[in-house]
Amino acid sequence: MHTNTRLHTRLKKARIPGPGQHAWVYTPLCLLVLLFFSSCGVLSGPDLKPTATPPVVTIQPIVTPHRPYLAVDAWLDITGSVPSGYFLSAKNGIANSIDSYIRPNEDGAVFYVSFIAHNSFQPESTKLVITVPPIPADPPQPQLLAYPSQTGDPFTDSQNKQRVDAENTRRLTAWQQTLKAQHAALAQLQTQIKQETDSLRRLHPQQDASATDIYGALERAGLRFQYAPKASSKYLILQTDLENNTLAQDTNSLRLVGVSVWVIWDTSENAPETQANTAFWQQVVMAAGAKAFQVFDPGASEAIQNSLFS
């Protein structure tokens, strides 16, 4: 018996697929094409000009109003006629006010700290001079470019987008680098000034009870203010009871043009005789051209002790 082991060699006729059998092939392909044209901006309206997305900004500018050059002459009474606690409070308040003054957008400053004693006019009465250089303002964020109108050419539109992104990144990076450098310089200056104001906080002078020379303090301050720039803000800070008892430095030539005179930690609010004394000194400084004269009692002085000349 013979078994037929020959295989059928007749080829099967190829079947033509129906219209829906390969639809799954075209679906992802269409999605890819749609994604490509969307990324190139071809599908967006021709008149839209969106602003390019900027890089992440991590440093913000410190925005402060501009301040002109500041000249401050502060005087602390060591004659023993005022409570020692007021000397301490005034000393710390002046130091705190100097520290808080150091910020961007100001034209520089000079601070004199001196003692009211038996001869306030003598150079030895000046114990500290702090000089602050001009501090530039922080620049605002640069204006960023917008994307140009679509051309309809995916390659050209993609190139235009890349150019705008690169330019915006360059502008923001340069701005951030400037802010970083200026803030570092500001922090260094603040540290330096803090070291100098700490030396003021450490001052503990011996009492000089031989006389109280208010005239000498005013005359010395008036000479210093003459060297301040013309557009300066000028403050004369006096921590004293204004009980002058020597006329050695009364030259009748006092000049305090444009100076604001603040008397801090004053204790004369309830004494008619000391009120008259305050009125006398107000007349003296205003006749010398002062811009203003104001007296602050201990409570009011505490309230402004961190901003005596802001």
Protein backbone atom coordinates (compact mmCIF):
# COMPACT_ATOMS: atom_id res chain seq x y z
CA MET A 1 0.00 0.00 0.00
CA HIS A 2 1.50 3.28 -1.01
CA THR A 3 1.01 6.43 1.02
CA ASN A 4 0.93 9.70 -0.85
CA THR A 5 3.50 11.92 0.88
CA ARG A 6 3.58 14.75 -1.66
CA LEU A 7 2.56 18.13 -0.31
CA HIS A 8 0.16 20.35 -2.06
CA THR A 9 2.17 22.94 -3.90
CA ARG A 10 -0.72 24.93 -5.19
CA LEU A 11 -0.45 28.53 -3.96
CA LYS A 12 -3.37 30.09 -2.22
CA LYS A 13 -4.79 33.12 -3.86
CA ALA A 14 -3.88 36.30 -1.98
CA ARG A 15 -6.77 38.01 -0.30
CA ILE A 16 -7.21 41.77 -0.67
CA PRO A 17 -8.00 43.32 2.74
CA GLY A 18 -11.24 45.09 3.23
CA PRO A 19 -11.49 48.85 3.66
CA GLY A 20 -11.52 48.75 7.51
CA GLN A 21 -9.05 45.99 8.22
CA HIS A 22 -5.86 48.21 8.36
CA ALA A 23 -7.44 51.34 9.81
CA TRP A 24 -5.42 50.86 12.99
CA VAL A 25 -2.24 51.51 11.00
CA TYR A 26 -3.36 54.95 9.80
CA THR A 27 -4.64 56.21 13.16
CA PRO A 28 -1.24 56.57 14.94
CA LEU A 29 0.29 57.83 11.72
CA CYS A 30 -2.26 60.63 11.54
CA LEU A 31 -1.64 61.47 15.16
CA LEU A 32 2.09 61.77 14.53
CA VAL A 33 1.50 64.10 11.60
CA LEU A 34 -0.89 66.20 13.69
CA LEU A 35 1.62 66.42 16.54
CA PHE A 36 4.39 67.48 14.17
CA PHE A 37 2.42 70.35 12.64
CA SER A 38 1.16 71.46 16.02
CA SER A 39 4.72 71.71 17.37
CA CYS A 40 5.71 73.77 14.37
CA GLY A 41 2.83 76.14 14.91
CA VAL A 42 1.30 75.47 11.50
CA LEU A 43 -2.12 74.79 12.96
CA SER A 44 -2.29 78.00 15.02
CA GLY A 45 -3.88 81.11 13.66
CA PRO A 46 -1.59 83.24 11.44
CA ASP A 47 -2.19 86.44 13.44
CA LEU A 48 -1.41 85.09 16.93
CA LYS A 49 1.90 86.29 18.45
CA PRO A 50 2.22 84.63 21.85
CA THR A 51 5.03 85.73 24.13
CA ALA A 52 7.79 83.18 24.38
CA THR A 53 7.89 81.20 27.61
CA PRO A 54 10.80 82.59 29.71
CA PRO A 55 13.12 80.54 31.88
CA VAL A 56 12.37 80.26 35.58
CA VAL A 57 13.26 83.50 37.43
CA THR A 58 14.72 82.82 40.88
CA ILE A 59 15.99 86.30 41.94
CA GLN A 60 13.54 89.17 42.28
CA PRO A 61 14.58 92.85 42.26
CA ILE A 62 14.41 94.88 45.48
CA VAL A 63 12.15 97.79 44.58
CA THR A 64 12.69 100.93 46.68
CA PRO A 65 12.09 104.62 45.94
CA HIS A 66 15.09 106.72 45.05
CA ARG A 67 16.71 108.59 47.93
CA PRO A 68 19.13 111.52 47.53
CA TYR A 69 22.39 111.84 49.42
CA LEU A 70 21.83 111.77 53.19
CA ALA A 71 23.85 113.73 55.75
CA VAL A 72 23.16 112.97 59.42
CA ASP A 73 24.79 114.56 62.45
CA ALA A 74 23.74 112.77 65.67
CA TRP A 75 24.60 114.04 69.15
CA LEU A 76 24.30 112.11 72.43
CA ASP A 77 24.27 113.91 75.78
CA ILE A 78 26.84 112.52 78.27
CA THR A 79 26.63 115.36 80.82
CA GLY A 80 24.56 113.36 83.30
CA SER A 81 21.56 115.69 83.13
CA VAL A 82 19.42 113.07 81.32
CA PRO A 83 18.74 109.47 82.38
CA SER A 84 21.43 107.05 81.20
CA GLY A 85 18.74 104.76 79.80
CA TYR A 86 17.82 107.42 77.26
CA PHE A 87 21.44 107.62 76.11
CA LEU A 88 21.41 103.84 75.61
CA SER A 89 18.10 103.88 73.73
CA ALA A 90 19.17 106.77 71.50
CA LYS A 91 22.53 105.16 70.75
CA ASN A 92 20.87 101.90 69.70
CA GLY A 93 18.14 103.71 67.79
CA ILE A 94 20.69 105.63 65.72
CA ALA A 95 22.63 102.42 65.03
CA ASN A 96 19.45 100.61 63.98
CA SER A 97 18.40 103.47 61.73
CA ILE A 98 21.76 103.43 59.96
CA ASP A 99 21.51 99.66 59.42
CA SER A 100 17.99 99.91 57.99
CA TYR A 101 19.03 102.72 55.63
CA ILE A 102 21.33 100.45 53.58
CA ARG A 103 19.25 99.40 50.59
CA PRO A 104 19.25 99.88 46.80
CA ASN A 105 18.57 103.09 44.91
CA GLU A 106 20.25 105.70 47.09
CA ASP A 107 22.95 108.27 46.38
CA GLY A 108 25.15 107.63 49.41
CA ALA A 109 25.27 108.93 52.97
CA VAL A 110 27.47 110.12 55.79
CA PHE A 111 26.69 109.68 59.49
CA TYR A 112 28.48 111.57 62.27
CA VAL A 113 28.04 110.48 65.89
CA SER A 114 29.30 112.88 68.55
CA PHE A 115 28.94 113.61 72.26
CA ILE A 116 27.41 116.68 73.87
CA ALA A 117 29.84 117.56 76.66
CA HIS A 118 31.48 120.60 78.22
CA ASN A 119 32.98 121.58 74.83
CA SER A 120 30.98 119.90 72.09
CA PHE A 121 32.65 121.86 69.30
CA GLN A 122 36.10 120.34 69.78
CA PRO A 123 37.02 117.58 67.29
CA GLU A 124 37.43 115.07 70.13
CA SER A 125 33.67 115.14 70.64
CA THR A 126 33.19 113.26 67.35
CA LYS A 127 33.42 109.55 68.03
CA LEU A 128 32.33 107.89 64.80
CA VAL A 129 31.96 108.70 61.11
CA ILE A 130 30.25 106.17 58.83
CA THR A 131 30.34 106.70 55.07
CA VAL A 132 27.98 104.84 52.72
CA PRO A 133 28.71 104.78 48.97
CA PRO A 134 25.95 105.14 46.37
CA ILE A 135 23.92 101.95 45.92
CA PRO A 136 22.41 101.37 42.44
CA ALA A 137 18.78 100.50 41.89
CA ASP A 138 17.92 96.96 40.90
CA PRO A 139 17.04 96.84 37.19
CA PRO A 140 13.49 95.76 36.29
CA GLN A 141 12.83 92.60 34.31
CA PRO A 142 13.75 93.13 30.65
CA GLN A 143 11.03 93.17 28.02
CA LEU A 144 10.70 89.80 26.32
CA LEU A 145 10.18 89.23 22.62
CA ALA A 146 6.96 87.78 21.23
CA TYR A 147 6.90 85.03 18.64
CA PRO A 148 6.56 86.33 15.06
CA SER A 149 3.54 85.58 12.90
CA GLN A 150 3.36 82.11 11.41
CA THR A 151 4.71 81.77 7.87
CA GLY A 152 3.08 78.45 7.08
CA ASP A 153 6.47 76.80 6.67
CA PRO A 154 7.05 74.43 9.63
CA PHE A 155 10.84 74.63 9.37
CA THR A 156 10.92 78.46 9.21
CA ASP A 157 8.43 78.82 12.06
CA SER A 158 10.42 76.40 14.21
CA GLN A 159 13.63 78.35 13.56
CA ASN A 160 11.92 81.66 14.41
CA LYS A 161 10.64 80.21 17.68
CA GLN A 162 14.09 78.96 18.63
CA ARG A 163 15.64 82.37 17.92
CA VAL A 164 13.07 84.15 20.11
CA ASP A 165 13.52 81.63 22.92
CA ALA A 166 17.29 82.00 22.76
CA GLU A 167 17.16 85.81 22.87
CA ASN A 168 14.67 85.86 25.75
CA THR A 169 16.82 83.39 27.65
CA ARG A 170 19.88 85.58 27.05
CA ARG A 171 18.09 88.68 28.34
CA LEU A 172 16.74 87.00 31.46
CA THR A 173 20.05 85.31 32.21
CA ALA A 174 21.91 88.64 31.99
CA TRP A 175 19.29 90.27 34.23
CA GLN A 176 19.53 87.51 36.83
CA GLN A 177 23.33 87.74 36.81
CA THR A 178 23.13 91.50 37.40
CA LEU A 179 20.71 91.06 40.30
CA LYS A 180 22.87 88.34 41.81
CA ALA A 181 25.99 90.54 41.66
CA GLN A 182 24.21 93.61 43.06
CA HIS A 183 22.58 91.68 45.89
CA ALA A 184 25.93 90.14 46.82
CA ALA A 185 27.53 93.61 46.91
CA LEU A 186 24.60 94.91 48.97
CA ALA A 187 24.94 92.08 51.50
CA GLN A 188 28.66 92.73 51.80
CA LEU A 189 28.06 96.46 52.40
CA GLN A 190 25.35 95.72 54.97
CA THR A 191 27.78 93.47 56.83
CA GLN A 192 30.46 96.16 56.77
CA ILE A 193 28.08 98.87 58.02
CA LYS A 194 26.76 96.53 60.73
CA GLN A 195 30.30 96.13 62.02
CA GLU A 196 30.62 99.92 62.26
CA THR A 197 27.24 100.41 63.93
CA ASP A 198 28.14 97.66 66.41
CA SER A 199 31.08 99.82 67.44
CA LEU A 200 28.55 102.58 68.14
CA ARG A 201 26.46 100.19 70.23
CA ARG A 202 29.56 99.36 72.28
CA LEU A 203 30.29 102.99 73.21
CA HIS A 204 30.15 103.55 76.96
CA PRO A 205 31.64 107.02 77.61
CA GLN A 206 32.44 108.48 80.95
CA GLN A 207 30.14 111.20 82.18
CA ASP A 208 31.22 114.82 81.62
CA ALA A 209 29.23 116.86 84.12
CA SER A 210 31.28 120.06 84.00
CA ALA A 211 28.98 121.75 81.43
CA THR A 212 26.38 121.15 78.71
CA ASP A 213 27.44 122.79 75.45
CA ILE A 214 24.47 122.75 73.05
CA TYR A 215 25.80 125.67 71.01
CA GLY A 216 29.05 123.84 70.27
CA ALA A 217 27.11 120.84 68.90
CA LEU A 218 25.00 123.04 66.65
CA GLU A 219 28.00 125.01 65.38
CA ARG A 220 30.00 121.86 64.58
CA ALA A 221 27.02 120.29 62.80
CA GLY A 222 26.40 123.47 60.82
CA LEU A 223 29.96 123.42 59.49
CA ARG A 224 29.64 119.78 58.42
CA PHE A 225 26.35 120.32 56.60
CA GLN A 226 27.99 123.00 54.45
CA TYR A 227 30.01 120.23 52.75
CA ALA A 228 27.00 118.07 51.94
CA PRO A 229 25.84 117.96 48.28
CA LYS A 230 23.29 120.61 47.41
CA ALA A 231 20.35 118.22 47.00
CA SER A 232 21.07 116.30 50.21
CA SER A 233 18.60 115.33 52.89
CA LYS A 234 20.07 116.71 56.13
CA TYR A 235 19.18 115.66 59.67
CA LEU A 236 20.47 116.91 63.00
CA ILE A 237 19.59 114.41 65.75
CA LEU A 238 19.89 115.63 69.36
CA GLN A 239 19.46 113.37 72.39
CA THR A 240 19.54 115.95 75.17
CA ASP A 241 17.40 117.92 77.58
CA LEU A 242 18.62 121.12 75.85
CA GLU A 243 19.79 122.54 79.20
CA ASN A 244 22.70 124.55 77.86
CA ASN A 245 24.82 126.25 80.55
CA THR A 246 27.79 127.66 78.63
CA LEU A 247 28.03 130.31 75.92
CA ALA A 248 31.64 129.60 74.94
CA GLN A 249 30.65 128.37 71.47
CA ASP A 250 27.84 130.83 70.74
CA THR A 251 29.27 132.65 67.73
CA ASN A 252 26.02 134.17 66.41
CA SER A 253 26.91 132.70 63.01
CA LEU A 254 24.98 129.44 63.12
CA ARG A 255 23.85 128.10 59.73
CA LEU A 256 21.49 125.12 59.45
CA VAL A 257 19.94 125.80 56.05
CA GLY A 258 17.61 122.99 54.96
CA VAL A 259 18.33 120.87 58.05
CA SER A 260 15.61 118.90 59.85
CA VAL A 261 16.30 119.03 63.60
CA TRP A 262 14.93 116.18 65.73
CA VAL A 263 15.21 116.17 69.53
CA ILE A 264 14.73 112.55 70.67
CA TRP A 265 13.97 111.03 74.07
CA ASP A 266 12.86 114.41 75.34
CA THR A 267 11.46 114.51 78.90
CA SER A 268 10.16 118.06 79.06
CA GLU A 269 6.52 117.51 78.09
CA ASN A 270 5.16 118.11 81.61
CA ALA A 271 7.43 120.93 82.76
CA PRO A 272 6.46 124.47 81.69
CA GLU A 273 9.98 125.78 82.23
CA THR A 274 11.55 123.11 80.01
CA GLN A 275 8.85 123.66 77.40
CA ALA A 276 9.97 127.27 77.28
CA ASN A 277 13.54 126.04 76.88
CA THR A 278 12.49 123.87 73.94
CA ALA A 279 10.70 126.82 72.36
CA PHE A 280 13.88 128.87 72.70
CA TRP A 281 15.98 126.33 70.80
CA GLN A 282 13.32 125.97 68.15
CA GLN A 283 13.62 129.70 67.54
CA VAL A 284 17.43 129.43 67.41
CA VAL A 285 17.55 126.66 64.78
CA MET A 286 14.72 128.04 62.65
CA ALA A 287 16.44 131.44 62.58
CA ALA A 288 19.55 129.61 61.34
CA GLY A 289 17.58 128.34 58.33
CA ALA A 290 16.47 124.93 59.59
CA LYS A 291 13.80 123.16 57.57
CA ALA A 292 11.96 121.73 60.58
CA PHE A 293 12.20 121.31 64.34
CA GLN A 294 10.45 118.47 66.13
CA VAL A 295 10.60 117.05 69.63
CA PHE A 296 9.90 113.37 70.37
CA ASP A 297 9.10 112.16 73.86
CA PRO A 298 10.38 108.71 74.93
CA GLY A 299 7.30 106.90 73.62
CA ALA A 300 7.42 108.59 70.21
CA SER A 301 11.18 108.06 70.07
CA GLU A 302 10.74 104.33 70.63
CA ALA A 303 8.25 104.21 67.78
CA ILE A 304 10.70 105.74 65.26
CA GLN A 305 13.97 104.41 66.63
CA ASN A 306 14.63 102.23 63.57
CA SER A 307 13.77 104.95 61.06
CA LEU A 308 14.99 108.26 62.46
CA PHE A 309 15.88 109.64 59.03
CA SER A 310 13.80 107.64 56.56
